[in-house]
Amino acid sequence: MKDNVMEVIENVLNKVNGVVWGIPTIVLILATGLILTIRCRGLQFTKLGRAFKHIFKENGGEGELSGFSALCTALSATIGTGNIVGVATAIAAGGPGTLFWMWVAAILGTATKFSECMLAIKYREVKPDGHVLGGPFYTIEKGMGPKWKWLAVLFAIFGVLAGLLGIGTMTQINGITSAVNMAFDPESHHVAFTLFDKDYTWATVIGGIIVTACAALVIVGGLQRISKVAAKVVPTMAVVYAFLALSALIMNATKIPMAFAMIFKSAFGWQAVAGGALGWTVKQITESMQKGIARGIFSNEAGLGSAPIAAAPVQTDEPVEQALVNMTGTVIDTLIICTMTGLSITIALCDPAFESASRQGVELTSAALSHDLGGDGISVQFLLMLCLAFFAFTTILGWNYYSEKCLEYLTNGNMKIVKVFRILYILTIAIGPYFTVNAVFTIADITNGLMAIPNCISLIVLSGVVAKETKAYFEKYPKL
């Protein structure tokens, strides 16, 4: 009966997710990126070098954060379980081809990320006390006009839900505690309690308590504390994880062409065509696209509307310049980190002896890296646990900031309600370890999709503003 309850819940979530992430949403997101790429004249290709040079540039103007701090705050929310667990769950559900569709979403999404961040800075509000508030809600309300405020309100509501129930809390701590349990009690010998016929170890319980307590201490400190933690933790752990994944790729360099072949075959169903099963091919391609694009957005948040909230408080008078900096986040997050994870897993899958059927999430990533690197896998598990713990922890902090800003917009800056929300946010973190991996990622996908829809609509409508501002900036500053 208990198993049936969990199955019913997951079936309902999957059906809702299928509707939210149906063909219309996929087309909307890809079309948004394509339109903005065309209107911005492919700046994600032509101006990428300039964007990276701007990262450490000190800006003047109104605002609360430096450009580098804003980028780290945004990366703290994007570099998380999506890079390690999300890629694995996508490949497990939709095959290696999901990685190809993540690339497509990221390439187009780089222009989307640039545009949404630029508009957020352009339409932000600077309060008399110097406090800055901005994001898609003000982009919609000010850019599209007051009659569209209902769409801005919808975005803000979905943003609160995404932070509270989806990408910001349960998926992150679930990934952390899964990694802790895998490192300290992989055979689940020390069971604390059983819920819905699933055993939860003391490693999971203690790990969850520690993360919740640490998150609570930082969340109470607000934006400045979050940005300081992110600026120190994110670059360090990104380097550690990159070293781990790159080592696996270098040691298996001769297998990389085989892995790419598997990715493209899976993405377009070529194996199914050879077998004559055309109907299954269409189903596979659709599933691969859905999971790849959904996980791509989960990972880099391009088009989701979250990164603009972090970009809005930047100290700058040039929205385009800071938007260039923010678009590098998509490249770092998906085209580099997620690619390393996906290739490492695919290389392992190329080996018929590699057991993957019973593994999901961080277990699949850990098993794949251990397989690629050789050895007993204990050191890999420990390093992966550290990386995942810090990545996911900073994502928890970043999304608390995002969802608070959405709530601040909804309540006209009522900080009493925001403080109550912080308590709810911390409580949601606390219960996150006790949901299944599939359930928490499905909830996150649903809330992400709901956020993306109003944001992408506004970006298409305001694409002319983006093109005009971008053209004016590069005419004013033709060289770096």
Foldseek 3Di string as FASTA:
>chain_A
DLVVVQVVLLVVLVVLLCVLLDPVLLCLLLVLLVLLCVLLVNCVPVVLVVLVVLLPPAAAAAFDAALVLLLLLLLLQQQALLQQFLLQQLCLFQNLLLLVLLVSSLSSLLSLLLLQQLLFQVQWDQDPVSDIFTWLLSSCPVVVHVVRNVLSLLLLVLLLLLCQQASQAQLQLQQLLVLQCCQPPVVQPAFPDADSNRTDHPSSQVSLVVLLVVLLVQLVVPDVSLSVLSSPLVVVLLVLLLVLLVLLCVLVVVCLVVLVVRNVCQLQVVVVVVVVNVVVRVVSNSSSNSSSNLSSCSNQVRLLTQSSRSSNRHRHPQSSSSSSNNSVSSCSTSVRSSVSQSSLLSSLVVDPPQDDNVDHGNRSSQSSSCVSNDDPSNVSSVSSSVSNNSSSSSSNSSSLNRSLSSVCVVVVNPVVVNVVSSVSSSVSNSCSNVRDSSSRNSSSSSSSSSSSVSSSVSSVVCSVVSSVSSVVVCVVVVDD
